């Protein structure tokens, strides 16, 4: 897990984890996040590697540059301290396969929640657990 810094992040930062890019935007005791599926690629000819976002209109098309209006977003939400830890999730689609829900749940439980809680605690908020 990438460790958060001890300052407010005023721009979106992103991490690539388990075929998803997580974009974080933070302020004081709240972390906002958006989760985008990505596809990693590798060029054996020159050794280049990277990833691209999936186009929300054509899932077979990759987008090298991020555009919030054109990239497929799986879910978004927030995590904060308001005397208790509180998280909210907002889903983009009306229907998901069971495997997708498991992947999204694992991503939240193993990456988003721990990173968010750590970041918020470094800002001086939260409990001592």
Protein backbone atom coordinates (compact mmCIF):
# COMPACT_ATOMS: atom_id res chain seq x y z
CA UNK A 1 0.00 0.00 0.00
CA UNK A 2 1.32 3.46 -0.87
CA UNK A 3 1.61 5.54 2.29
CA UNK A 4 -0.18 8.90 2.29
CA UNK A 5 1.70 12.06 3.08
CA UNK A 6 0.93 14.30 6.03
CA UNK A 7 -0.53 17.15 3.98
CA UNK A 8 -3.78 17.96 2.26
CA UNK A 9 -3.69 16.95 -1.38
CA UNK A 10 -5.32 19.64 -3.46
CA UNK A 11 -5.09 17.75 -6.72
CA UNK A 12 -6.12 14.30 -7.76
CA UNK A 13 -3.53 11.59 -7.24
CA UNK A 14 -3.86 8.08 -8.53
CA UNK A 15 -2.65 4.59 -7.84
CA UNK A 16 -2.83 1.53 -10.08
CA UNK A 17 -3.98 -1.50 -8.06
CA UNK A 18 -5.45 -4.80 -9.28
CA UNK A 19 -6.41 -3.49 -12.74
CA UNK A 20 -8.02 -0.35 -11.34
CA UNK A 21 -6.80 3.23 -11.13
CA UNK A 22 -7.89 4.95 -7.92
CA UNK A 23 -8.02 8.73 -8.06
CA UNK A 24 -7.90 10.41 -4.65
CA UNK A 25 -8.81 13.98 -3.81
CA UNK A 26 -8.49 14.97 -0.16
CA UNK A 27 -9.30 17.78 2.20
CA UNK A 28 -8.69 17.75 5.96
CA UNK A 29 -10.78 14.90 7.40
CA UNK A 30 -12.30 13.66 4.11
CA UNK A 31 -10.97 11.58 1.24
CA UNK A 32 -12.91 11.48 -2.02
CA UNK A 33 -12.14 8.71 -4.47
CA UNK A 34 -13.07 7.50 -7.94
CA UNK A 35 -12.26 4.05 -9.30
CA UNK A 36 -11.60 3.42 -12.99
CA UNK A 37 -10.85 0.04 -14.58
CA UNK A 38 -7.62 -0.02 -16.55
CA UNK A 39 -5.93 -2.38 -18.93
CA UNK A 40 -2.18 -2.86 -18.62
CA UNK A 41 -0.12 -3.31 -21.78
CA UNK A 42 3.38 -4.41 -22.66
CA UNK A 43 5.31 -3.98 -25.92
CA UNK A 44 7.85 -6.83 -26.18
CA UNK A 45 9.60 -5.13 -29.08
CA UNK A 46 10.89 -2.17 -27.09
CA UNK A 47 10.06 -3.19 -23.51
CA UNK A 48 7.64 -0.32 -22.95
CA UNK A 49 4.78 -0.95 -20.58
CA UNK A 50 1.93 1.05 -19.16
CA UNK A 51 -1.83 1.12 -18.93
CA UNK A 52 -4.81 2.81 -20.44
CA UNK A 53 -8.28 3.64 -19.20
CA UNK A 54 -11.31 1.96 -20.72
CA UNK A 55 -13.54 4.11 -22.90
CA UNK A 56 -17.06 4.15 -21.40
CA UNK A 57 -18.73 4.04 -24.82
CA UNK A 58 -16.53 1.31 -26.31
CA UNK A 59 -14.94 -1.06 -23.78
CA UNK A 60 -12.60 -2.46 -26.45
CA UNK A 61 -10.99 0.97 -26.88
CA UNK A 62 -8.28 2.14 -24.55
CA UNK A 63 -7.69 5.78 -23.66
CA UNK A 64 -4.10 6.80 -22.93
CA UNK A 65 -5.12 10.19 -21.58
CA UNK A 66 -7.55 10.50 -18.71
CA UNK A 67 -10.81 12.32 -19.45
CA UNK A 68 -13.43 12.11 -16.72
CA UNK A 69 -16.25 12.41 -19.26
CA UNK A 70 -14.94 9.64 -21.55
CA UNK A 71 -13.41 7.03 -19.22
CA UNK A 72 -15.41 4.23 -17.65
CA UNK A 73 -15.89 4.74 -13.90
CA UNK A 74 -16.89 1.74 -11.72
CA UNK A 75 -17.67 3.60 -8.51
CA UNK A 76 -16.84 6.61 -6.41
CA UNK A 77 -17.23 7.62 -2.82
CA UNK A 78 -15.86 9.29 0.25
CA UNK A 79 -14.28 8.28 3.53
CA UNK A 80 -14.15 10.61 6.51
CA UNK A 81 -13.99 11.10 10.26
CA UNK A 82 -17.05 12.75 11.85
CA UNK A 83 -16.65 11.42 15.37
CA UNK A 84 -16.93 7.96 13.79
CA UNK A 85 -15.46 6.53 10.61
CA UNK A 86 -17.92 6.99 7.75
CA UNK A 87 -17.76 5.78 4.18
CA UNK A 88 -20.13 6.25 1.27
CA UNK A 89 -20.08 4.47 -2.06
CA UNK A 90 -21.85 5.50 -5.24
CA UNK A 91 -22.10 3.01 -8.08
CA UNK A 92 -22.08 4.05 -11.71
CA UNK A 93 -23.90 1.08 -13.23
CA UNK A 94 -27.26 -0.43 -12.34
CA UNK A 95 -26.05 -3.98 -12.79
CA UNK A 96 -22.85 -5.78 -11.80
CA UNK A 97 -21.61 -9.35 -12.06
CA UNK A 98 -20.89 -11.09 -8.75
CA UNK A 99 -17.16 -11.17 -9.54
CA UNK A 100 -17.15 -7.42 -10.11
CA UNK A 101 -18.74 -6.80 -6.71
CA UNK A 102 -16.15 -9.00 -5.03
CA UNK A 103 -13.31 -7.17 -6.80
CA UNK A 104 -14.74 -3.78 -5.87
CA UNK A 105 -15.30 -4.86 -2.25
CA UNK A 106 -11.73 -6.19 -2.00
CA UNK A 107 -10.36 -2.99 -3.53
CA UNK A 108 -12.25 -0.89 -0.97
CA UNK A 109 -11.42 -3.12 2.03
CA UNK A 110 -7.75 -3.73 1.21
CA UNK A 111 -6.68 -0.45 -0.38
CA UNK A 112 -9.09 2.49 -0.29
CA UNK A 113 -10.22 2.24 3.33
CA UNK A 114 -6.73 1.67 4.86
CA UNK A 115 -5.14 4.43 2.72
CA UNK A 116 -7.95 6.87 3.53
CA UNK A 117 -7.89 6.15 7.26
CA UNK A 118 -4.11 6.52 7.38
CA UNK A 119 -4.25 9.82 5.49
CA UNK A 120 -6.98 11.24 7.75
CA UNK A 121 -5.13 10.19 10.92
CA UNK A 122 -1.98 11.97 9.67
CA UNK A 123 -4.11 15.13 9.43
CA UNK A 124 -4.84 14.84 13.17
CA UNK A 125 -8.35 13.43 12.93
CA UNK A 126 -9.77 10.06 13.91
CA UNK A 127 -9.63 7.64 16.78
CA UNK A 128 -6.55 5.92 18.15
CA UNK A 129 -7.30 2.40 16.96
